Amino acid sequence: MAEWMEHESTKDKGTNSSMEGTRENREIVRWYPPPLGMIKINTAACVNVIKGRTGLGTVGRDECGKILAAWGFSERKRRNLEQEEAEAIRLGLINAKAEDWNCMGIQSSNKVNWINTYSYQHTILEDIHILNSLFSICSFSFLNNIVNEVSSNNAQYALVRCRDFVLKESFLLWMTEIAQKDLGYLSLTL
């Protein structure tokens, strides 16, 4: 119960995440599992400008939509959402390599501007480019937070929890419920 209350408290004021889209967009764009033999890593970031904290969430899922691993990162720093989103992608790639996942897709909640970058963000993007070359298959796509709900909520949970965490084999109840809802939504539309 405390876990759920902590998760619900992530919806407090001052949190900025890339929550864009409307109910209509949700009907058009939805989460899809990766192709057979691939892993999809969804990433998200949120920033609490009032508290000067960031939360990053990455979630790895298989072709059945089952969560394989989830990571949350929280830091006290003041960077913009785009920089944090780039950092979430980088951490997603590092975690995928540590899990020995070689065929994967990264799906981020926010498009990262690959041209007009800050020096720190440019360094992160260079890291992403180098890490990308370590995989047999690695693709990138973007999906708003309304549809990228598991990783978005994971990032908000990390922000409120104020410390890093790794989950494997056993996941928070709200994570599995959102993942099942994604798949249920998908089956209703097919």
C-alpha atoms as a PDB file:
ATOM      1  CA  MET A   1       0.000   0.000   0.000  1.00  0.00           C
ATOM      2  CA  ALA A   2       2.847   2.395   0.821  1.00  0.00           C
ATOM      3  CA  GLU A   3       4.294   1.686  -2.631  1.00  0.00           C
ATOM      4  CA  TRP A   4       1.035   2.735  -4.301  1.00  0.00           C
ATOM      5  CA  MET A   5       0.724   5.881  -2.172  1.00  0.00           C
ATOM      6  CA  GLU A   6       4.307   6.793  -3.048  1.00  0.00           C
ATOM      7  CA  HIS A   7       3.539   6.200  -6.738  1.00  0.00           C
ATOM      8  CA  GLU A   8       0.399   8.355  -6.552  1.00  0.00           C
ATOM      9  CA  SER A   9       2.369  11.149  -4.896  1.00  0.00           C
ATOM     10  CA  THR A  10       4.489  11.456  -8.058  1.00  0.00           C
ATOM     11  CA  LYS A  11       1.683  13.532  -9.525  1.00  0.00           C
ATOM     12  CA  ASP A  12       2.540  16.548  -7.355  1.00  0.00           C
ATOM     13  CA  LYS A  13       3.027  20.117  -8.568  1.00  0.00           C
ATOM     14  CA  GLY A  14       6.326  21.233 -10.033  1.00  0.00           C
ATOM     15  CA  THR A  15       6.965  18.082 -12.040  1.00  0.00           C
ATOM     16  CA  ASN A  16       7.639  18.654 -15.710  1.00  0.00           C
ATOM     17  CA  SER A  17       7.517  15.720 -18.058  1.00  0.00           C
ATOM     18  CA  SER A  18       6.762  15.552 -21.729  1.00  0.00           C
ATOM     19  CA  MET A  19       3.069  14.823 -21.210  1.00  0.00           C
ATOM     20  CA  GLU A  20       1.759  15.796 -24.582  1.00  0.00           C
ATOM     21  CA  GLY A  21      -1.166  14.582 -26.593  1.00  0.00           C
ATOM     22  CA  THR A  22      -4.852  14.261 -26.041  1.00  0.00           C
ATOM     23  CA  ARG A  23      -7.268  11.416 -25.657  1.00  0.00           C
ATOM     24  CA  GLU A  24      -7.675  11.501 -29.436  1.00  0.00           C
ATOM     25  CA  ASN A  25      -3.915  11.010 -29.890  1.00  0.00           C
ATOM     26  CA  ARG A  26      -4.014   8.047 -27.530  1.00  0.00           C
ATOM     27  CA  GLU A  27      -6.513   6.350 -29.817  1.00  0.00           C
ATOM     28  CA  ILE A  28      -4.242   6.879 -32.830  1.00  0.00           C
ATOM     29  CA  VAL A  29      -0.833   6.177 -31.303  1.00  0.00           C
ATOM     30  CA  ARG A  30      -0.309   3.262 -28.936  1.00  0.00           C
ATOM     31  CA  TRP A  31       2.475   1.120 -27.537  1.00  0.00           C
ATOM     32  CA  TYR A  32       3.356  -1.957 -29.581  1.00  0.00           C
ATOM     33  CA  PRO A  33       5.601  -4.814 -28.510  1.00  0.00           C
ATOM     34  CA  PRO A  34       8.875  -5.247 -30.409  1.00  0.00           C
ATOM     35  CA  PRO A  35       9.229  -7.845 -33.180  1.00  0.00           C
ATOM     36  CA  LEU A  36      10.001 -11.449 -32.228  1.00  0.00           C
ATOM     37  CA  GLY A  37      13.506 -11.805 -30.797  1.00  0.00           C
ATOM     38  CA  MET A  38      13.897  -8.122 -29.959  1.00  0.00           C
ATOM     39  CA  ILE A  39      13.681  -6.174 -26.716  1.00  0.00           C
ATOM     40  CA  LYS A  40      12.066  -2.750 -26.520  1.00  0.00           C
ATOM     41  CA  ILE A  41      13.423  -0.325 -23.976  1.00  0.00           C
ATOM     42  CA  ASN A  42      11.124   2.560 -23.186  1.00  0.00           C
ATOM     43  CA  THR A  43      12.762   5.588 -21.602  1.00  0.00           C
ATOM     44  CA  ALA A  44      11.375   8.700 -19.958  1.00  0.00           C
ATOM     45  CA  ALA A  45      12.542  11.645 -17.903  1.00  0.00           C
ATOM     46  CA  CYS A  46      10.873  14.126 -15.596  1.00  0.00           C
ATOM     47  CA  VAL A  47      12.173  17.235 -13.931  1.00  0.00           C
ATOM     48  CA  ASN A  48      10.961  18.902 -10.757  1.00  0.00           C
ATOM     49  CA  VAL A  49      12.185  22.464 -11.203  1.00  0.00           C
ATOM     50  CA  ILE A  50      11.010  23.515  -7.744  1.00  0.00           C
ATOM     51  CA  LYS A  51      13.030  20.841  -5.923  1.00  0.00           C
ATOM     52  CA  GLY A  52      15.872  20.749  -8.470  1.00  0.00           C
ATOM     53  CA  ARG A  53      15.537  16.986  -8.964  1.00  0.00           C
ATOM     54  CA  THR A  54      15.297  14.727 -11.978  1.00  0.00           C
ATOM     55  CA  GLY A  55      13.909  11.235 -12.402  1.00  0.00           C
ATOM     56  CA  LEU A  56      14.781   8.849 -15.220  1.00  0.00           C
ATOM     57  CA  GLY A  57      12.951   5.632 -15.980  1.00  0.00           C
ATOM     58  CA  THR A  58      13.863   2.811 -18.334  1.00  0.00           C
ATOM     59  CA  VAL A  59      11.842  -0.362 -18.811  1.00  0.00           C
ATOM     60  CA  GLY A  60      12.815  -3.365 -20.964  1.00  0.00           C
ATOM     61  CA  ARG A  61      10.002  -5.478 -22.447  1.00  0.00           C
ATOM     62  CA  ASP A  62       9.925  -8.518 -24.718  1.00  0.00           C
ATOM     63  CA  GLU A  63       7.823  -9.341 -27.779  1.00  0.00           C
ATOM     64  CA  CYS A  64       4.935 -10.410 -25.514  1.00  0.00           C
ATOM     65  CA  GLY A  65       5.001  -7.074 -23.674  1.00  0.00           C
ATOM     66  CA  LYS A  66       6.343  -8.720 -20.510  1.00  0.00           C
ATOM     67  CA  ILE A  67       8.579  -6.510 -18.378  1.00  0.00           C
ATOM     68  CA  LEU A  68      12.075  -8.010 -18.189  1.00  0.00           C
ATOM     69  CA  ALA A  69      13.761  -5.271 -16.154  1.00  0.00           C
ATOM     70  CA  ALA A  70      13.096  -1.752 -14.906  1.00  0.00           C
ATOM     71  CA  TRP A  71      15.553   0.889 -13.760  1.00  0.00           C
ATOM     72  CA  GLY A  72      14.945   4.180 -12.022  1.00  0.00           C
ATOM     73  CA  PHE A  73      17.461   6.945 -11.503  1.00  0.00           C
ATOM     74  CA  SER A  74      17.110  10.071  -9.390  1.00  0.00           C
ATOM     75  CA  GLU A  75      19.537  12.950  -9.035  1.00  0.00           C
ATOM     76  CA  ARG A  76      19.632  16.411  -7.611  1.00  0.00           C
ATOM     77  CA  LYS A  77      20.503  18.610 -10.570  1.00  0.00           C
ATOM     78  CA  ARG A  78      19.079  21.346 -12.718  1.00  0.00           C
ATOM     79  CA  ARG A  79      18.993  20.441 -16.390  1.00  0.00           C
ATOM     80  CA  ASN A  80      16.243  20.723 -18.923  1.00  0.00           C
ATOM     81  CA  LEU A  81      13.916  17.909 -19.908  1.00  0.00           C
ATOM     82  CA  GLU A  82      15.579  17.334 -23.274  1.00  0.00           C
ATOM     83  CA  GLN A  83      18.978  16.804 -21.647  1.00  0.00           C
ATOM     84  CA  GLU A  84      17.447  14.385 -19.155  1.00  0.00           C
ATOM     85  CA  GLU A  85      15.671  12.494 -21.932  1.00  0.00           C
ATOM     86  CA  ALA A  86      19.015  12.059 -23.728  1.00  0.00           C
ATOM     87  CA  GLU A  87      20.504  10.798 -20.450  1.00  0.00           C
ATOM     88  CA  ALA A  88      17.630   8.285 -20.083  1.00  0.00           C
ATOM     89  CA  ILE A  89      18.350   6.945 -23.590  1.00  0.00           C
ATOM     90  CA  ARG A  90      22.062   6.617 -22.758  1.00  0.00           C
ATOM     91  CA  LEU A  91      21.280   4.764 -19.516  1.00  0.00           C
ATOM     92  CA  GLY A  92      18.833   2.524 -21.378  1.00  0.00           C
ATOM     93  CA  LEU A  93      21.606   1.509 -23.789  1.00  0.00           C
ATOM     94  CA  ILE A  94      24.077   0.904 -20.954  1.00  0.00           C
ATOM     95  CA  ASN A  95      21.542  -1.270 -19.115  1.00  0.00           C
ATOM     96  CA  ALA A  96      20.678  -3.206 -22.281  1.00  0.00           C
ATOM     97  CA  LYS A  97      24.347  -3.973 -22.886  1.00  0.00           C
ATOM     98  CA  ALA A  98      24.761  -5.078 -19.244  1.00  0.00           C
ATOM     99  CA  GLU A  99      21.812  -7.466 -19.753  1.00  0.00           C
ATOM    100  CA  ASP A 100      23.474  -8.752 -22.954  1.00  0.00           C
ATOM    101  CA  TRP A 101      20.471  -7.738 -25.086  1.00  0.00           C
ATOM    102  CA  ASN A 102      21.794  -7.387 -28.633  1.00  0.00           C
ATOM    103  CA  CYS A 103      18.657  -6.791 -30.714  1.00  0.00           C
ATOM    104  CA  MET A 104      16.625  -3.930 -29.384  1.00  0.00           C
ATOM    105  CA  GLY A 105      14.712  -0.776 -29.967  1.00  0.00           C
ATOM    106  CA  ILE A 106      14.840   2.328 -27.799  1.00  0.00           C
ATOM    107  CA  GLN A 107      11.581   4.214 -27.541  1.00  0.00           C
ATOM    108  CA  SER A 108      11.848   7.606 -25.877  1.00  0.00           C
ATOM    109  CA  SER A 109       9.177   9.935 -24.546  1.00  0.00           C
ATOM    110  CA  ASN A 110      10.681  13.050 -26.032  1.00  0.00           C
ATOM    111  CA  LYS A 111      12.458  13.751 -29.295  1.00  0.00           C
ATOM    112  CA  VAL A 112      16.008  14.822 -28.574  1.00  0.00           C
ATOM    113  CA  ASN A 113      17.254  17.699 -30.697  1.00  0.00           C
ATOM    114  CA  TRP A 114      20.309  16.169 -32.346  1.00  0.00           C
ATOM    115  CA  ILE A 115      21.379  19.485 -33.916  1.00  0.00           C
ATOM    116  CA  ASN A 116      21.046  22.352 -31.409  1.00  0.00           C
ATOM    117  CA  THR A 117      22.596  20.651 -28.400  1.00  0.00           C
ATOM    118  CA  TYR A 118      24.257  21.976 -25.271  1.00  0.00           C
ATOM    119  CA  SER A 119      27.844  20.857 -24.704  1.00  0.00           C
ATOM    120  CA  TYR A 120      26.845  18.409 -21.951  1.00  0.00           C
ATOM    121  CA  GLN A 121      24.013  17.036 -24.070  1.00  0.00           C
ATOM    122  CA  HIS A 122      26.362  16.768 -27.047  1.00  0.00           C
ATOM    123  CA  THR A 123      28.607  14.499 -24.946  1.00  0.00           C
ATOM    124  CA  ILE A 124      25.609  12.301 -24.063  1.00  0.00           C
ATOM    125  CA  LEU A 125      24.624  12.074 -27.738  1.00  0.00           C
ATOM    126  CA  GLU A 126      28.176  11.040 -28.656  1.00  0.00           C
ATOM    127  CA  ASP A 127      27.930   8.302 -26.004  1.00  0.00           C
ATOM    128  CA  ILE A 128      24.600   7.164 -27.489  1.00  0.00           C
ATOM    129  CA  HIS A 129      26.181   6.961 -30.955  1.00  0.00           C
ATOM    130  CA  ILE A 130      29.103   4.870 -29.632  1.00  0.00           C
ATOM    131  CA  LEU A 131      26.835   2.597 -27.556  1.00  0.00           C
ATOM    132  CA  ASN A 132      24.521   2.101 -30.544  1.00  0.00           C
ATOM    133  CA  SER A 133      27.389   0.513 -32.485  1.00  0.00           C
ATOM    134  CA  LEU A 134      27.763  -2.213 -29.811  1.00  0.00           C
ATOM    135  CA  PHE A 135      24.412  -3.836 -30.712  1.00  0.00           C
ATOM    136  CA  SER A 136      23.518  -6.156 -33.599  1.00  0.00           C
ATOM    137  CA  ILE A 137      20.278  -4.229 -34.100  1.00  0.00           C
ATOM    138  CA  CYS A 138      19.399  -0.978 -32.385  1.00  0.00           C
ATOM    139  CA  SER A 139      16.660   1.360 -33.537  1.00  0.00           C
ATOM    140  CA  PHE A 140      15.220   4.551 -32.065  1.00  0.00           C
ATOM    141  CA  SER A 141      11.661   5.858 -32.026  1.00  0.00           C
ATOM    142  CA  PHE A 142       9.583   8.320 -30.058  1.00  0.00           C
ATOM    143  CA  LEU A 143       6.276   8.009 -28.259  1.00  0.00           C
ATOM    144  CA  ASN A 144       4.614  10.552 -25.993  1.00  0.00           C
ATOM    145  CA  ASN A 145       4.303   9.942 -22.239  1.00  0.00           C
ATOM    146  CA  ILE A 146       0.591   9.241 -22.419  1.00  0.00           C
ATOM    147  CA  VAL A 147       1.355   6.100 -24.408  1.00  0.00           C
ATOM    148  CA  ASN A 148       4.819   5.501 -22.925  1.00  0.00           C
ATOM    149  CA  GLU A 149       3.127   5.180 -19.552  1.00  0.00           C
ATOM    150  CA  VAL A 150       5.240   2.504 -17.844  1.00  0.00           C
ATOM    151  CA  SER A 151       8.552   4.309 -18.238  1.00  0.00           C
ATOM    152  CA  SER A 152       6.970   7.717 -17.639  1.00  0.00           C
ATOM    153  CA  ASN A 153       5.506   6.558 -14.316  1.00  0.00           C
ATOM    154  CA  ASN A 154       8.799   4.830 -13.532  1.00  0.00           C
ATOM    155  CA  ALA A 155      10.665   8.134 -14.005  1.00  0.00           C
ATOM    156  CA  GLN A 156       8.176   9.949 -11.760  1.00  0.00           C
ATOM    157  CA  TYR A 157       8.485   7.199  -9.143  1.00  0.00           C
ATOM    158  CA  ALA A 158      12.300   7.541  -9.210  1.00  0.00           C
ATOM    159  CA  LEU A 159      11.965  11.312  -8.833  1.00  0.00           C
ATOM    160  CA  VAL A 160       9.809  10.993  -5.710  1.00  0.00           C
ATOM    161  CA  ARG A 161      11.751   8.049  -4.283  1.00  0.00           C
ATOM    162  CA  CYS A 162      14.994  10.091  -4.527  1.00  0.00           C
ATOM    163  CA  ARG A 163      17.257   7.104  -5.106  1.00  0.00           C
ATOM    164  CA  ASP A 164      18.192   4.681  -7.863  1.00  0.00           C
ATOM    165  CA  PHE A 165      16.663   1.231  -8.164  1.00  0.00           C
ATOM    166  CA  VAL A 166      16.813  -1.877 -10.335  1.00  0.00           C
ATOM    167  CA  LEU A 167      13.955  -4.354 -10.629  1.00  0.00           C
ATOM    168  CA  LYS A 168      14.253  -7.783 -12.235  1.00  0.00           C
ATOM    169  CA  GLU A 169      11.846 -10.733 -12.047  1.00  0.00           C
ATOM    170  CA  SER A 170       9.638  -8.973  -9.469  1.00  0.00           C
ATOM    171  CA  PHE A 171       8.020  -5.650 -10.317  1.00  0.00           C
ATOM    172  CA  LEU A 172       5.905  -3.055  -8.612  1.00  0.00           C
ATOM    173  CA  LEU A 173       2.192  -3.788  -8.924  1.00  0.00           C
ATOM    174  CA  TRP A 174       1.409  -0.566 -10.796  1.00  0.00           C
ATOM    175  CA  MET A 175       4.122  -1.373 -13.383  1.00  0.00           C
ATOM    176  CA  THR A 176       2.650  -4.746 -14.243  1.00  0.00           C
ATOM    177  CA  GLU A 177      -0.881  -3.307 -14.302  1.00  0.00           C
ATOM    178  CA  ILE A 178       0.131  -0.594 -16.775  1.00  0.00           C
ATOM    179  CA  ALA A 179       2.014  -3.131 -18.914  1.00  0.00           C
ATOM    180  CA  GLN A 180      -1.046  -5.411 -18.981  1.00  0.00           C
ATOM    181  CA  LYS A 181      -3.275  -2.439 -19.820  1.00  0.00           C
ATOM    182  CA  ASP A 182      -1.005  -1.663 -22.799  1.00  0.00           C
ATOM    183  CA  LEU A 183      -1.465  -5.182 -24.087  1.00  0.00           C
ATOM    184  CA  GLY A 184      -5.216  -5.191 -23.363  1.00  0.00           C
ATOM    185  CA  TYR A 185      -5.606  -1.918 -25.233  1.00  0.00           C
ATOM    186  CA  LEU A 186      -3.688  -3.403 -28.126  1.00  0.00           C
ATOM    187  CA  SER A 187      -5.810  -6.557 -28.289  1.00  0.00           C
ATOM    188  CA  LEU A 188      -9.021  -4.496 -28.271  1.00  0.00           C
ATOM    189  CA  THR A 189      -7.862  -2.518 -31.298  1.00  0.00           C
ATOM    190  CA  LEU A 190      -6.693  -5.461 -33.443  1.00  0.00           C
END
